[in-house]
Amino acid sequence: MEDVKYRLIADHLIGAIDRGEYPVGSALPTLHDLMHKFGVARGTARAAVAVLVAQGVATSKQGLGTLVCGTTVPSQPQAPRILPDGATYPKVVLSGWTAAGPDVAGRFGLTTGSLVVHRIRHHHTGTRVTSIDQQWLPKAVATTIEQHTGHDISDRTDTPHPDLTPLLRNAGLDPIVATVQLDARLPSRHEADTLDIPVDAPVLVVHRITHGSSGTPVEATTTVSSTGGSAPKFTIPLTG
């Protein structure tokens, strides 16, 4: 029920912005005001505000609250966005703090055991999971996001949206380039069960590290995808 409430609150705020009740540059109601008005928990109010921030409707500024930006979106419920291959954008199924293993720590230049936020996302085609994302962000990045936007990305209820790019930008981390490595292997039992494929069916593995404008890694993702029994194909544009 709380998942429904945060979406209803977000739609209410977006509608008010569209009607001009909150002009660009004005402050939206505080979390305390939203909790009192709608009778919800603090996490639900924060999740509603996170929707507006993720959609570019508002931005959170430390000491100023949540301010309306120059763009708004329609207040009616939006249909799931569809990728070119027919899959929907991913859904966050797990989020929390964990100790970085050697591989993850190495991607960020951290020591093994350093705290990182770990998020798992599922891509779907219809009801079928077609790929699994594991995403990690260093503690320093998560702390910076919370300081600048007020959102705790380790809390799936607080930050339910799969794409953290708007929050990274609002926090001044400016993700600008990603390095990508491709691999193929057999799936683990858990991956095979989640993707509903045999354990001897190869999967495509994509490792990505996103760097901010300073060159520091701000996010790393490993995506495991079903190949559908055929070898993946890529089109790579070449310039002379």
Protein backbone atom coordinates (compact mmCIF):
# COMPACT_ATOMS: atom_id res chain seq x y z
CA MET A 1 0.00 0.00 0.00
CA GLU A 2 2.88 2.38 0.76
CA ASP A 3 4.17 1.83 -2.81
CA VAL A 4 0.81 3.12 -4.10
CA LYS A 5 0.77 6.07 -1.69
CA TYR A 6 4.15 7.49 -2.71
CA ARG A 7 3.10 7.40 -6.38
CA LEU A 8 -0.20 9.14 -5.59
CA ILE A 9 1.62 11.86 -3.64
CA ALA A 10 4.09 12.33 -6.50
CA ASP A 11 1.24 12.62 -9.02
CA HIS A 12 -0.49 15.16 -6.75
CA LEU A 13 2.65 17.31 -6.58
CA ILE A 14 3.30 17.06 -10.32
CA GLY A 15 -0.29 18.08 -11.01
CA ALA A 16 0.07 21.08 -8.71
CA ILE A 17 3.25 22.11 -10.54
CA ASP A 18 1.52 21.77 -13.92
CA ARG A 19 -1.33 23.99 -12.67
CA GLY A 20 1.14 26.67 -11.59
CA GLU A 21 0.55 26.26 -7.87
CA TYR A 22 4.31 25.82 -7.42
CA PRO A 23 6.14 28.04 -9.93
CA VAL A 24 9.70 27.39 -11.05
CA GLY A 25 12.13 28.18 -8.25
CA SER A 26 9.56 27.81 -5.47
CA ALA A 27 9.90 25.30 -2.65
CA LEU A 28 7.70 22.23 -2.44
CA PRO A 29 6.15 21.15 0.89
CA THR A 30 8.62 19.73 3.39
CA LEU A 31 8.68 16.02 4.23
CA HIS A 32 7.01 16.86 7.55
CA ASP A 33 4.24 18.73 5.73
CA LEU A 34 3.69 15.81 3.33
CA MET A 35 3.64 13.32 6.21
CA HIS A 36 1.02 15.39 8.04
CA LYS A 37 -1.12 16.15 4.97
CA PHE A 38 -1.24 12.60 3.58
CA GLY A 39 -0.85 10.64 6.81
CA VAL A 40 2.19 8.68 5.62
CA ALA A 41 5.57 7.66 7.00
CA ARG A 42 8.70 9.71 6.34
CA GLY A 43 10.08 7.10 3.93
CA THR A 44 6.91 7.29 1.82
CA ALA A 45 7.10 11.09 1.65
CA ARG A 46 10.78 10.90 0.65
CA ALA A 47 9.98 8.32 -2.04
CA ALA A 48 7.37 10.67 -3.52
CA VAL A 49 9.89 13.52 -3.68
CA ALA A 50 12.43 11.12 -5.22
CA VAL A 51 10.02 10.58 -8.13
CA LEU A 52 10.01 14.31 -8.91
CA VAL A 53 13.80 14.57 -8.64
CA ALA A 54 14.35 11.52 -10.86
CA GLN A 55 11.98 12.92 -13.50
CA GLY A 56 13.69 16.32 -13.49
CA VAL A 57 10.66 18.12 -12.08
CA ALA A 58 12.39 19.18 -8.86
CA THR A 59 15.81 19.31 -7.27
CA SER A 60 16.81 19.05 -3.61
CA LYS A 61 19.19 21.69 -2.27
CA GLN A 62 20.71 21.41 1.17
CA GLY A 63 19.37 24.18 3.39
CA LEU A 64 16.73 25.21 0.84
CA GLY A 65 14.54 22.13 0.59
CA THR A 66 13.10 20.73 -2.64
CA LEU A 67 12.78 23.34 -5.40
CA VAL A 68 10.74 23.20 -8.61
CA CYS A 69 12.85 23.03 -11.80
CA GLY A 70 12.03 24.45 -15.21
CA THR A 71 10.49 21.28 -16.64
CA THR A 72 7.34 19.41 -15.67
CA VAL A 73 5.73 16.18 -16.81
CA PRO A 74 2.05 15.26 -17.28
CA SER A 75 0.28 14.40 -14.05
CA GLN A 76 -1.53 11.34 -15.41
CA PRO A 77 0.07 7.94 -14.70
CA GLN A 78 2.78 7.06 -17.20
CA ALA A 79 2.96 3.75 -19.04
CA PRO A 80 6.23 1.85 -18.56
CA ARG A 81 8.91 3.08 -20.95
CA ILE A 82 9.84 0.46 -23.52
CA LEU A 83 13.34 -0.21 -24.80
CA PRO A 84 13.92 -0.85 -28.54
CA ASP A 85 14.00 -4.64 -28.00
CA GLY A 86 10.62 -4.58 -26.26
CA ALA A 87 11.97 -4.89 -22.71
CA THR A 88 10.82 -2.51 -19.99
CA TYR A 89 13.21 -0.39 -17.96
CA PRO A 90 14.55 -2.21 -14.88
CA LYS A 91 12.93 -2.49 -11.47
CA VAL A 92 14.97 -2.23 -8.28
CA VAL A 93 14.43 -5.43 -6.28
CA LEU A 94 17.12 -5.02 -3.61
CA SER A 95 19.16 -2.15 -2.18
CA GLY A 96 21.39 -1.88 0.87
CA TRP A 97 24.89 -1.54 2.29
CA THR A 98 27.47 -4.29 1.87
CA ALA A 99 31.21 -4.85 2.22
CA ALA A 100 32.98 -4.69 -1.14
CA GLY A 101 34.69 -7.88 -2.25
CA PRO A 102 38.06 -7.76 -4.05
CA ASP A 103 36.52 -7.38 -7.52
CA VAL A 104 34.14 -4.54 -6.62
CA ALA A 105 36.74 -2.79 -4.45
CA GLY A 106 39.21 -2.96 -7.33
CA ARG A 107 36.82 -1.20 -9.69
CA PHE A 108 36.72 1.83 -7.39
CA GLY A 109 40.30 1.70 -6.13
CA LEU A 110 39.04 0.90 -2.61
CA THR A 111 40.33 -1.56 -0.05
CA THR A 112 38.50 -4.87 0.25
CA GLY A 113 35.73 -4.62 2.83
CA SER A 114 34.98 -0.94 2.19
CA LEU A 115 31.29 -0.06 2.48
CA VAL A 116 29.37 0.29 -0.78
CA VAL A 117 25.70 0.52 -1.72
CA HIS A 118 24.59 -2.61 -3.58
CA ARG A 119 21.46 -2.48 -5.76
CA ILE A 120 19.94 -5.30 -7.82
CA ARG A 121 17.67 -4.49 -10.75
CA HIS A 122 15.65 -6.77 -13.05
CA HIS A 123 14.82 -6.04 -16.70
CA HIS A 124 11.60 -7.63 -17.94
CA THR A 125 10.00 -8.51 -21.25
CA GLY A 126 6.41 -9.07 -20.25
CA THR A 127 6.60 -11.05 -17.00
CA ARG A 128 9.93 -12.69 -17.84
CA VAL A 129 13.22 -11.43 -16.42
CA THR A 130 15.65 -11.05 -19.33
CA SER A 131 18.62 -9.51 -17.53
CA ILE A 132 19.92 -8.90 -14.03
CA ASP A 133 21.86 -5.79 -13.03
CA GLN A 134 24.08 -5.63 -9.97
CA GLN A 135 25.03 -2.03 -9.25
CA TRP A 136 27.52 -0.69 -6.70
CA LEU A 137 28.26 2.86 -5.52
CA PRO A 138 31.02 3.82 -3.05
CA LYS A 139 30.07 5.17 0.36
CA ALA A 140 31.50 8.59 -0.54
CA VAL A 141 29.20 8.80 -3.58
CA ALA A 142 26.12 7.68 -1.62
CA THR A 143 26.92 10.20 1.13
CA THR A 144 27.36 13.02 -1.39
CA ILE A 145 24.01 12.18 -3.01
CA GLU A 146 22.24 12.24 0.36
CA GLN A 147 23.91 15.52 1.38
CA HIS A 148 22.92 17.29 -1.84
CA THR A 149 19.54 15.71 -2.63
CA GLY A 150 18.30 14.33 0.69
CA HIS A 151 17.86 10.84 -0.77
CA ASP A 152 19.23 7.65 0.76
CA ILE A 153 20.00 5.45 -2.26
CA SER A 154 20.61 2.45 0.00
CA ASP A 155 16.88 2.49 0.83
CA ARG A 156 14.77 0.99 -1.98
CA THR A 157 11.64 2.67 -0.58
CA ASP A 158 13.33 6.08 -0.50
CA THR A 159 14.88 5.78 -3.97
CA PRO A 160 12.77 3.31 -5.99
CA HIS A 161 13.88 4.50 -9.43
CA PRO A 162 16.43 2.37 -11.27
CA ASP A 163 18.25 5.24 -12.99
CA LEU A 164 20.40 7.21 -10.54
CA THR A 165 21.86 9.52 -13.20
CA PRO A 166 19.65 12.53 -12.24
CA LEU A 167 20.67 12.18 -8.58
CA LEU A 168 24.35 11.89 -9.52
CA ARG A 169 24.05 15.08 -11.57
CA ASN A 170 22.15 16.94 -8.87
CA ALA A 171 24.90 15.96 -6.43
CA GLY A 172 27.53 17.49 -8.73
CA LEU A 173 29.11 14.13 -9.60
CA ASP A 174 28.40 14.54 -13.35
CA PRO A 175 28.72 11.02 -14.85
CA ILE A 176 30.26 11.60 -18.28
CA VAL A 177 32.01 8.43 -19.49
CA ALA A 178 31.77 4.69 -18.96
CA THR A 179 34.24 1.89 -19.64
CA VAL A 180 32.65 -1.39 -20.72
CA GLN A 181 33.96 -4.96 -20.79
CA LEU A 182 32.06 -7.86 -22.37
CA ASP A 183 32.25 -11.48 -21.29
CA ALA A 184 30.31 -14.74 -21.65
CA ARG A 185 29.98 -17.66 -19.24
CA LEU A 186 27.55 -20.18 -17.83
CA PRO A 187 25.04 -18.80 -15.31
CA SER A 188 25.00 -19.54 -11.62
CA ARG A 189 22.06 -21.57 -10.35
CA HIS A 190 20.43 -18.40 -8.98
CA GLU A 191 20.92 -16.56 -12.29
CA ALA A 192 19.50 -19.50 -14.26
CA ASP A 193 16.45 -19.67 -11.99
CA THR A 194 15.85 -15.91 -12.21
CA LEU A 195 16.26 -15.80 -16.00
CA ASP A 196 14.35 -19.09 -16.40
CA ILE A 197 17.08 -20.69 -18.52
CA PRO A 198 19.03 -23.97 -18.29
CA VAL A 199 22.25 -23.89 -16.26
CA ASP A 200 24.18 -24.89 -19.40
CA ALA A 201 22.84 -21.95 -21.47
CA PRO A 202 25.50 -19.23 -21.93
CA VAL A 203 24.81 -15.72 -20.64
CA LEU A 204 26.23 -12.41 -21.80
CA VAL A 205 27.98 -10.45 -19.04
CA VAL A 206 28.60 -6.70 -19.35
CA HIS A 207 30.83 -4.96 -16.80
CA ARG A 208 30.52 -1.15 -16.75
CA ILE A 209 32.31 1.49 -14.69
CA THR A 210 30.94 5.05 -14.85
CA HIS A 211 33.32 7.95 -14.21
CA GLY A 212 32.48 11.47 -13.11
CA SER A 213 33.91 14.65 -14.63
CA SER A 214 36.88 14.42 -12.22
CA GLY A 215 37.72 10.97 -13.59
CA THR A 216 36.77 9.22 -10.34
CA PRO A 217 34.58 6.09 -10.64
CA VAL A 218 31.12 6.87 -9.25
CA GLU A 219 29.19 3.73 -10.17
CA ALA A 220 29.81 0.18 -11.37
CA THR A 221 27.33 -2.27 -12.86
CA THR A 222 27.48 -5.91 -13.93
CA THR A 223 24.62 -7.03 -16.18
CA VAL A 224 23.89 -10.71 -16.83
CA SER A 225 21.57 -11.33 -19.79
CA SER A 226 20.04 -14.34 -21.45
CA THR A 227 21.24 -14.68 -25.05
CA GLY A 228 18.11 -16.55 -26.11
CA GLY A 229 20.24 -19.41 -27.41
CA SER A 230 22.00 -17.29 -30.03
CA ALA A 231 25.21 -15.32 -30.08
CA PRO A 232 24.72 -11.59 -29.41
CA LYS A 233 25.36 -9.19 -32.29
CA PHE A 234 26.66 -5.63 -32.07
CA THR A 235 26.71 -2.76 -34.54
CA ILE A 236 29.73 -0.52 -33.96
CA PRO A 237 29.92 2.75 -35.94
CA LEU A 238 33.37 3.52 -37.33
CA THR A 239 34.69 6.97 -38.15
CA GLY A 240 37.47 7.69 -40.57
